[in-house]
Each structure stands twice: as C-alpha cells, then as structure tokens.
Amino acid sequence: MTLLNIPFVPQNKHAIEKTALNNITHEPWGTVNQLSCSAAFAISHFDTGIHLRFSVTEPFLRARKRKINGEVHKDNCVEFFIAFGGDGSYYNFEFNCLGSVKAAYGKNRLHRKFIPADVLKNVVDSSIIHINNRQAAGAVKWDIAVVLPLSVFCYSNKSSLSGQECAVNFAKCGDSLPKPHFLSWVQLHSEKPDFHQPASFGKVKFAPIPDNL
C-alpha cells in the first residue's frame, strides 16, 4: 500500500513551500495520551534531488552548531529515512534546528557507514526559530528546509527518482531535552526507542518527471 505520492516540483528556493505538510502523529514510547510536541513534514523531488521541510512546535530548545556527523539527535532534531530496496540497506539523515547534519547508510542501526563530510557539504538547509514568551508554558516553533542532491546517496547509483517506489519514515526526537521524546510518521514497535526499523517504513512513490521538461 502506497502511503504517500511524492510530487515533482521544479527546483527553486520556494519549491518546498508548495508541498502540503503531513503530520507526524505516532509516539510509540510516550507515557501519556497527548503528543509531546507537534511535528510535520513536506517532501517533493526535482530532477536531481529531494526537497524536505519540517515544521515543529515544542516546549524546549536545546541545540548547538555541531560538526558534520555529530550528535545532533541530542538536540531539537528531525530525521528522514529512505530505503531504495535491492540490498536491504537504507539511508538516514538527521538535522537539528540549527541545520547541523548527520547521515549514514546500512542494514540496521548497528552496522552503518557515515556519509562522508565532503558529500554532506552539498546539502543546503535554512532554518527559522520562533520563541513565544507569552505562553505560560513557553513554546518554541522552528522550521527547517533542506535540499538533498542525489549525490548524497553515495552508496547507491541514483541519477533520477522519477517514477520510483521506495520506503521512508520521518521522525522527531530530542534525546537530551529536559523531557526526551520520539515521534514517528509510521507506527513502530520495540521495547525501547528505535527508529531503525526498515520493515515498518511507509511505501511511497516519486511522481514521474513531466516529458516537457
């Protein structure tokens, strides 16, 4: 079952703003009925890459500008997972609210290879953070837009995503926040927080690139 059709949107600086947001509503390891925060994502693709956008509202802010492939999961963080099939491996990309990135490739959480730093330097991101001091509990709202060129999938041979089917997940975490949380787009099942469950990723399809381009 295809959970999401990923539209083709020609590349420009406003491309991802044209794509609808999808809510991230599962918190498998939460202890209360209410979600710890509000998170949503948008995704589209263009001829040589992927556009991503995350929009988050949460009560705490903890972040620092980290080196490439640093511990961004400890901060206000979002993640994108994608499996192209074939060898059973998948990519995961993590971004904190300041745009620091960590990315790796492998079959599970234990056996992964980092995407080299010189490759990740080609990732383009922009972020906006708002803090609302008028609310009693406080609120931090942040948005990040990311452009992933196909070159970041350096362990795969990808010249286009047009018409392809794959499996993905989108997540929100904050391991070292005052109240850690772990949200997932698809439902996950494990005793402890673990986003690395490729068998549970959602099926998606990239729209074909129009013939007139």
C-alpha atoms as a PDB file:
ATOM      1  CA  MET A   1       0.000   0.000   0.000  1.00  0.00           C
ATOM      2  CA  THR A   2       1.407   3.387  -1.014  1.00  0.00           C
ATOM      3  CA  LEU A   3       1.111   5.823   1.880  1.00  0.00           C
ATOM      4  CA  LEU A   4       2.352   8.874   0.018  1.00  0.00           C
ATOM      5  CA  ASN A   5       2.812  10.061  -3.539  1.00  0.00           C
ATOM      6  CA  ILE A   6       5.793  12.414  -3.689  1.00  0.00           C
ATOM      7  CA  PRO A   7       5.185  15.227  -6.187  1.00  0.00           C
ATOM      8  CA  PHE A   8       7.640  16.541  -8.721  1.00  0.00           C
ATOM      9  CA  VAL A   9       8.276  20.260  -8.118  1.00  0.00           C
ATOM     10  CA  PRO A  10      10.925  22.058 -10.212  1.00  0.00           C
ATOM     11  CA  GLN A  11      13.798  23.327  -8.113  1.00  0.00           C
ATOM     12  CA  ASN A  12      13.687  26.884  -6.811  1.00  0.00           C
ATOM     13  CA  LYS A  13      14.082  28.460  -3.391  1.00  0.00           C
ATOM     14  CA  HIS A  14      10.330  28.368  -2.736  1.00  0.00           C
ATOM     15  CA  ALA A  15       9.701  24.848  -4.094  1.00  0.00           C
ATOM     16  CA  ILE A  16       9.028  23.093  -0.804  1.00  0.00           C
ATOM     17  CA  GLU A  17       6.531  25.771   0.278  1.00  0.00           C
ATOM     18  CA  LYS A  18       4.203  24.481  -2.456  1.00  0.00           C
ATOM     19  CA  THR A  19       4.034  20.999  -0.925  1.00  0.00           C
ATOM     20  CA  ALA A  20       1.441  20.002   1.693  1.00  0.00           C
ATOM     21  CA  LEU A  21       2.542  19.146   5.224  1.00  0.00           C
ATOM     22  CA  ASN A  22       1.986  15.675   6.676  1.00  0.00           C
ATOM     23  CA  ASN A  23       1.678  15.288  10.450  1.00  0.00           C
ATOM     24  CA  ILE A  24       3.977  13.032  12.471  1.00  0.00           C
ATOM     25  CA  THR A  25       1.480  11.582  14.930  1.00  0.00           C
ATOM     26  CA  HIS A  26       2.845   8.350  16.404  1.00  0.00           C
ATOM     27  CA  GLU A  27       4.719   8.383  19.715  1.00  0.00           C
ATOM     28  CA  PRO A  28       5.306   4.660  20.355  1.00  0.00           C
ATOM     29  CA  TRP A  29       7.293   5.173  23.528  1.00  0.00           C
ATOM     30  CA  GLY A  30       5.250   8.007  25.031  1.00  0.00           C
ATOM     31  CA  THR A  31       3.890   7.685  28.540  1.00  0.00           C
ATOM     32  CA  VAL A  32       0.774   9.866  28.167  1.00  0.00           C
ATOM     33  CA  ASN A  33      -2.009  10.109  25.589  1.00  0.00           C
ATOM     34  CA  GLN A  34      -1.049  13.602  24.426  1.00  0.00           C
ATOM     35  CA  LEU A  35       1.833  14.042  21.977  1.00  0.00           C
ATOM     36  CA  SER A  36       4.978  15.594  23.454  1.00  0.00           C
ATOM     37  CA  CYS A  37       5.200  18.081  20.594  1.00  0.00           C
ATOM     38  CA  SER A  38       3.753  18.969  17.213  1.00  0.00           C
ATOM     39  CA  ALA A  39       5.733  17.957  14.123  1.00  0.00           C
ATOM     40  CA  ALA A  40       5.021  17.758  10.403  1.00  0.00           C
ATOM     41  CA  PHE A  41       6.960  17.272   7.181  1.00  0.00           C
ATOM     42  CA  ALA A  42       6.708  18.013   3.471  1.00  0.00           C
ATOM     43  CA  ILE A  43       8.602  16.247   0.696  1.00  0.00           C
ATOM     44  CA  SER A  44       8.895  16.730  -3.047  1.00  0.00           C
ATOM     45  CA  HIS A  45      11.522  15.927  -5.635  1.00  0.00           C
ATOM     46  CA  PHE A  46      13.127  17.593  -8.631  1.00  0.00           C
ATOM     47  CA  ASP A  47      15.297  16.279 -11.441  1.00  0.00           C
ATOM     48  CA  THR A  48      18.467  15.980  -9.344  1.00  0.00           C
ATOM     49  CA  GLY A  49      17.354  15.737  -5.724  1.00  0.00           C
ATOM     50  CA  ILE A  50      14.810  15.915  -2.922  1.00  0.00           C
ATOM     51  CA  HIS A  51      13.249  18.871  -1.096  1.00  0.00           C
ATOM     52  CA  LEU A  52      12.384  18.355   2.585  1.00  0.00           C
ATOM     53  CA  ARG A  53      10.699  20.637   5.095  1.00  0.00           C
ATOM     54  CA  PHE A  54       9.940  20.060   8.759  1.00  0.00           C
ATOM     55  CA  SER A  55       7.733  22.261  10.936  1.00  0.00           C
ATOM     56  CA  VAL A  56       7.924  21.724  14.707  1.00  0.00           C
ATOM     57  CA  THR A  57       6.412  23.264  17.833  1.00  0.00           C
ATOM     58  CA  GLU A  58       7.743  22.088  21.193  1.00  0.00           C
ATOM     59  CA  PRO A  59       8.293  23.352  24.755  1.00  0.00           C
ATOM     60  CA  PHE A  60      12.107  23.236  24.973  1.00  0.00           C
ATOM     61  CA  LEU A  61      15.069  24.474  22.957  1.00  0.00           C
ATOM     62  CA  ARG A  62      18.477  22.819  23.197  1.00  0.00           C
ATOM     63  CA  ALA A  63      20.818  22.991  20.252  1.00  0.00           C
ATOM     64  CA  ARG A  64      24.341  23.770  19.219  1.00  0.00           C
ATOM     65  CA  LYS A  65      26.096  24.048  15.900  1.00  0.00           C
ATOM     66  CA  ARG A  66      27.736  20.647  15.591  1.00  0.00           C
ATOM     67  CA  LYS A  67      30.332  19.243  13.244  1.00  0.00           C
ATOM     68  CA  ILE A  68      29.087  17.109  10.359  1.00  0.00           C
ATOM     69  CA  ASN A  69      28.005  13.664  11.614  1.00  0.00           C
ATOM     70  CA  GLY A  70      27.967  14.935  15.213  1.00  0.00           C
ATOM     71  CA  GLU A  71      25.419  14.072  17.906  1.00  0.00           C
ATOM     72  CA  VAL A  72      22.524  16.114  16.534  1.00  0.00           C
ATOM     73  CA  HIS A  73      19.971  13.653  17.989  1.00  0.00           C
ATOM     74  CA  LYS A  74      20.628  15.150  21.415  1.00  0.00           C
ATOM     75  CA  ASP A  75      19.166  18.485  20.278  1.00  0.00           C
ATOM     76  CA  ASN A  76      15.805  19.520  18.832  1.00  0.00           C
ATOM     77  CA  CYS A  77      16.107  17.100  15.932  1.00  0.00           C
ATOM     78  CA  VAL A  78      14.227  15.675  12.942  1.00  0.00           C
ATOM     79  CA  GLU A  79      15.080  12.624  10.838  1.00  0.00           C
ATOM     80  CA  PHE A  80      14.434  11.291   7.346  1.00  0.00           C
ATOM     81  CA  PHE A  81      14.859   7.604   6.452  1.00  0.00           C
ATOM     82  CA  ILE A  82      14.788   6.206   2.930  1.00  0.00           C
ATOM     83  CA  ALA A  83      15.315   2.702   1.540  1.00  0.00           C
ATOM     84  CA  PHE A  84      15.622   2.206  -2.209  1.00  0.00           C
ATOM     85  CA  GLY A  85      15.446  -1.593  -1.998  1.00  0.00           C
ATOM     86  CA  GLY A  86      17.780  -4.117  -3.535  1.00  0.00           C
ATOM     87  CA  ASP A  87      20.382  -4.754  -0.846  1.00  0.00           C
ATOM     88  CA  GLY A  88      18.121  -4.226   2.188  1.00  0.00           C
ATOM     89  CA  SER A  89      20.021  -1.130   3.344  1.00  0.00           C
ATOM     90  CA  TYR A  90      18.711   2.382   3.936  1.00  0.00           C
ATOM     91  CA  TYR A  91      19.859   5.952   4.491  1.00  0.00           C
ATOM     92  CA  ASN A  92      19.039   8.152   7.478  1.00  0.00           C
ATOM     93  CA  PHE A  93      19.535  11.906   7.674  1.00  0.00           C
ATOM     94  CA  GLU A  94      19.329  13.800  10.968  1.00  0.00           C
ATOM     95  CA  PHE A  95      19.104  17.591  11.324  1.00  0.00           C
ATOM     96  CA  ASN A  96      18.987  19.723  14.439  1.00  0.00           C
ATOM     97  CA  CYS A  97      17.142  23.041  14.397  1.00  0.00           C
ATOM     98  CA  LEU A  98      20.365  24.899  13.522  1.00  0.00           C
ATOM     99  CA  GLY A  99      20.894  22.810  10.397  1.00  0.00           C
ATOM    100  CA  SER A 100      23.717  20.563  11.621  1.00  0.00           C
ATOM    101  CA  VAL A 101      23.523  17.243   9.774  1.00  0.00           C
ATOM    102  CA  LYS A 102      24.375  13.606  10.400  1.00  0.00           C
ATOM    103  CA  ALA A 103      23.803  10.870   7.819  1.00  0.00           C
ATOM    104  CA  ALA A 104      24.614   7.199   7.404  1.00  0.00           C
ATOM    105  CA  TYR A 105      23.831   4.084   5.372  1.00  0.00           C
ATOM    106  CA  GLY A 106      23.464   0.421   6.330  1.00  0.00           C
ATOM    107  CA  LYS A 107      21.158  -2.526   7.023  1.00  0.00           C
ATOM    108  CA  ASN A 108      20.382  -1.693  10.678  1.00  0.00           C
ATOM    109  CA  ARG A 109      21.286   0.713  13.447  1.00  0.00           C
ATOM    110  CA  LEU A 110      24.479  -1.130  14.410  1.00  0.00           C
ATOM    111  CA  HIS A 111      26.168  -1.616  11.046  1.00  0.00           C
ATOM    112  CA  ARG A 112      26.177   1.785   9.357  1.00  0.00           C
ATOM    113  CA  LYS A 113      28.600   3.837   7.281  1.00  0.00           C
ATOM    114  CA  PHE A 114      28.635   7.607   7.609  1.00  0.00           C
ATOM    115  CA  ILE A 115      28.032   9.676   4.512  1.00  0.00           C
ATOM    116  CA  PRO A 116      31.411  11.427   4.042  1.00  0.00           C
ATOM    117  CA  ALA A 117      31.599  15.024   5.240  1.00  0.00           C
ATOM    118  CA  ASP A 118      32.699  16.300   1.825  1.00  0.00           C
ATOM    119  CA  VAL A 119      29.490  14.815   0.344  1.00  0.00           C
ATOM    120  CA  LEU A 120      27.229  16.247   3.063  1.00  0.00           C
ATOM    121  CA  LYS A 121      28.653  19.713   2.432  1.00  0.00           C
ATOM    122  CA  ASN A 122      26.470  19.698  -0.679  1.00  0.00           C
ATOM    123  CA  VAL A 123      23.305  19.601   1.457  1.00  0.00           C
ATOM    124  CA  VAL A 124      21.630  23.010   1.548  1.00  0.00           C
ATOM    125  CA  ASP A 125      19.462  23.984   4.509  1.00  0.00           C
ATOM    126  CA  SER A 126      17.783  27.032   6.008  1.00  0.00           C
ATOM    127  CA  SER A 127      16.027  27.275   9.369  1.00  0.00           C
ATOM    128  CA  ILE A 128      13.803  29.707  11.272  1.00  0.00           C
ATOM    129  CA  ILE A 129      13.219  29.604  15.042  1.00  0.00           C
ATOM    130  CA  HIS A 130      10.436  31.459  16.891  1.00  0.00           C
ATOM    131  CA  ILE A 131      10.117  31.632  20.687  1.00  0.00           C
ATOM    132  CA  ASN A 132       6.765  32.646  22.199  1.00  0.00           C
ATOM    133  CA  ASN A 133       7.321  34.048  25.698  1.00  0.00           C
ATOM    134  CA  ARG A 134       3.670  34.985  26.131  1.00  0.00           C
ATOM    135  CA  GLN A 135       2.539  31.428  26.755  1.00  0.00           C
ATOM    136  CA  ALA A 136       2.764  30.237  30.342  1.00  0.00           C
ATOM    137  CA  ALA A 137       4.466  27.010  29.319  1.00  0.00           C
ATOM    138  CA  GLY A 138       6.508  28.700  26.607  1.00  0.00           C
ATOM    139  CA  ALA A 139       6.681  27.465  23.030  1.00  0.00           C
ATOM    140  CA  VAL A 140       9.457  27.044  20.510  1.00  0.00           C
ATOM    141  CA  LYS A 141       8.448  26.862  16.852  1.00  0.00           C
ATOM    142  CA  TRP A 142      11.026  26.037  14.248  1.00  0.00           C
ATOM    143  CA  ASP A 143      11.063  25.211  10.574  1.00  0.00           C
ATOM    144  CA  ILE A 144      13.871  23.770   8.501  1.00  0.00           C
ATOM    145  CA  ALA A 145      14.005  23.383   4.727  1.00  0.00           C
ATOM    146  CA  VAL A 146      16.557  21.008   3.217  1.00  0.00           C
ATOM    147  CA  VAL A 147      17.743  20.230  -0.299  1.00  0.00           C
ATOM    148  CA  LEU A 148      19.268  16.755  -0.675  1.00  0.00           C
ATOM    149  CA  PRO A 149      21.062  16.388  -4.015  1.00  0.00           C
ATOM    150  CA  LEU A 150      21.152  12.849  -5.399  1.00  0.00           C
ATOM    151  CA  SER A 151      24.902  12.837  -4.756  1.00  0.00           C
ATOM    152  CA  VAL A 152      24.264  12.313  -1.020  1.00  0.00           C
ATOM    153  CA  PHE A 153      23.024   8.793  -1.836  1.00  0.00           C
ATOM    154  CA  CYS A 154      26.640   7.945  -2.495  1.00  0.00           C
ATOM    155  CA  TYR A 155      26.307   4.216  -1.798  1.00  0.00           C
ATOM    156  CA  SER A 156      23.615   3.855  -4.470  1.00  0.00           C
ATOM    157  CA  ASN A 157      23.558   4.533  -8.186  1.00  0.00           C
ATOM    158  CA  LYS A 158      20.861   7.208  -8.469  1.00  0.00           C
ATOM    159  CA  SER A 159      20.608   9.531 -11.434  1.00  0.00           C
ATOM    160  CA  SER A 160      16.865  10.156 -11.003  1.00  0.00           C
ATOM    161  CA  LEU A 161      13.973   9.281  -8.681  1.00  0.00           C
ATOM    162  CA  SER A 162      11.307   9.733 -11.364  1.00  0.00           C
ATOM    163  CA  GLY A 163       8.583   7.090 -11.024  1.00  0.00           C
ATOM    164  CA  GLN A 164      10.487   5.082  -8.407  1.00  0.00           C
ATOM    165  CA  GLU A 165       8.952   3.374  -5.391  1.00  0.00           C
ATOM    166  CA  CYS A 166      10.772   3.179  -2.086  1.00  0.00           C
ATOM    167  CA  ALA A 167      10.179   3.075   1.674  1.00  0.00           C
ATOM    168  CA  VAL A 168      10.573   6.035   4.031  1.00  0.00           C
ATOM    169  CA  ASN A 169       9.961   7.324   7.520  1.00  0.00           C
ATOM    170  CA  PHE A 170      10.077  10.740   9.152  1.00  0.00           C
ATOM    171  CA  ALA A 171      10.815  11.241  12.837  1.00  0.00           C
ATOM    172  CA  LYS A 172      11.186  13.861  15.559  1.00  0.00           C
ATOM    173  CA  CYS A 173      13.395  13.359  18.596  1.00  0.00           C
ATOM    174  CA  GLY A 174      15.333  15.136  21.321  1.00  0.00           C
ATOM    175  CA  ASP A 175      17.350  12.673  23.371  1.00  0.00           C
ATOM    176  CA  SER A 176      18.881  15.236  25.742  1.00  0.00           C
ATOM    177  CA  LEU A 177      15.965  17.642  26.082  1.00  0.00           C
ATOM    178  CA  PRO A 178      14.523  18.110  29.606  1.00  0.00           C
ATOM    179  CA  LYS A 179      11.741  15.723  28.535  1.00  0.00           C
ATOM    180  CA  PRO A 180      13.067  13.439  25.771  1.00  0.00           C
ATOM    181  CA  HIS A 181      10.580  12.371  23.105  1.00  0.00           C
ATOM    182  CA  PHE A 182      10.476  10.165  19.990  1.00  0.00           C
ATOM    183  CA  LEU A 183       7.790  10.672  17.333  1.00  0.00           C
ATOM    184  CA  SER A 184       7.390   8.694  14.104  1.00  0.00           C
ATOM    185  CA  TRP A 185       5.339   9.096  10.922  1.00  0.00           C
ATOM    186  CA  VAL A 186       4.689   5.326  10.793  1.00  0.00           C
ATOM    187  CA  GLN A 187       3.867   3.166  13.769  1.00  0.00           C
ATOM    188  CA  LEU A 188       6.884   1.364  15.216  1.00  0.00           C
ATOM    189  CA  HIS A 189       7.119  -1.487  17.699  1.00  0.00           C
ATOM    190  CA  SER A 190      10.021  -2.113  20.067  1.00  0.00           C
ATOM    191  CA  GLU A 191      10.626  -2.114  23.794  1.00  0.00           C
ATOM    192  CA  LYS A 192      12.938   0.896  23.665  1.00  0.00           C
ATOM    193  CA  PRO A 193      13.029   3.901  21.305  1.00  0.00           C
ATOM    194  CA  ASP A 194      14.393   2.730  17.960  1.00  0.00           C
ATOM    195  CA  PHE A 195      13.659   4.403  14.617  1.00  0.00           C
ATOM    196  CA  HIS A 196      15.821   1.883  12.746  1.00  0.00           C
ATOM    197  CA  GLN A 197      13.018  -0.480  11.722  1.00  0.00           C
ATOM    198  CA  PRO A 198      13.078  -0.536   7.893  1.00  0.00           C
ATOM    199  CA  ALA A 199      10.442  -3.295   7.722  1.00  0.00           C
ATOM    200  CA  SER A 200       7.932  -0.772   9.098  1.00  0.00           C
ATOM    201  CA  PHE A 201       8.802   2.128   6.764  1.00  0.00           C
ATOM    202  CA  GLY A 202       5.954   3.524   4.674  1.00  0.00           C
ATOM    203  CA  LYS A 203       5.746   2.849   0.944  1.00  0.00           C
ATOM    204  CA  VAL A 204       5.963   5.952  -1.256  1.00  0.00           C
ATOM    205  CA  LYS A 205       6.218   6.705  -4.959  1.00  0.00           C
ATOM    206  CA  PHE A 206       8.033   9.561  -6.650  1.00  0.00           C
ATOM    207  CA  ALA A 207       5.951  11.184  -9.368  1.00  0.00           C
ATOM    208  CA  PRO A 208       7.359  10.915 -12.904  1.00  0.00           C
ATOM    209  CA  ILE A 209       9.192  13.939 -14.251  1.00  0.00           C
ATOM    210  CA  PRO A 210       6.990  15.546 -16.942  1.00  0.00           C
ATOM    211  CA  ASP A 211       8.092  14.880 -20.507  1.00  0.00           C
ATOM    212  CA  ASN A 212       8.078  18.569 -21.388  1.00  0.00           C
ATOM    213  CA  LEU A 213      10.950  19.396 -19.008  1.00  0.00           C
END
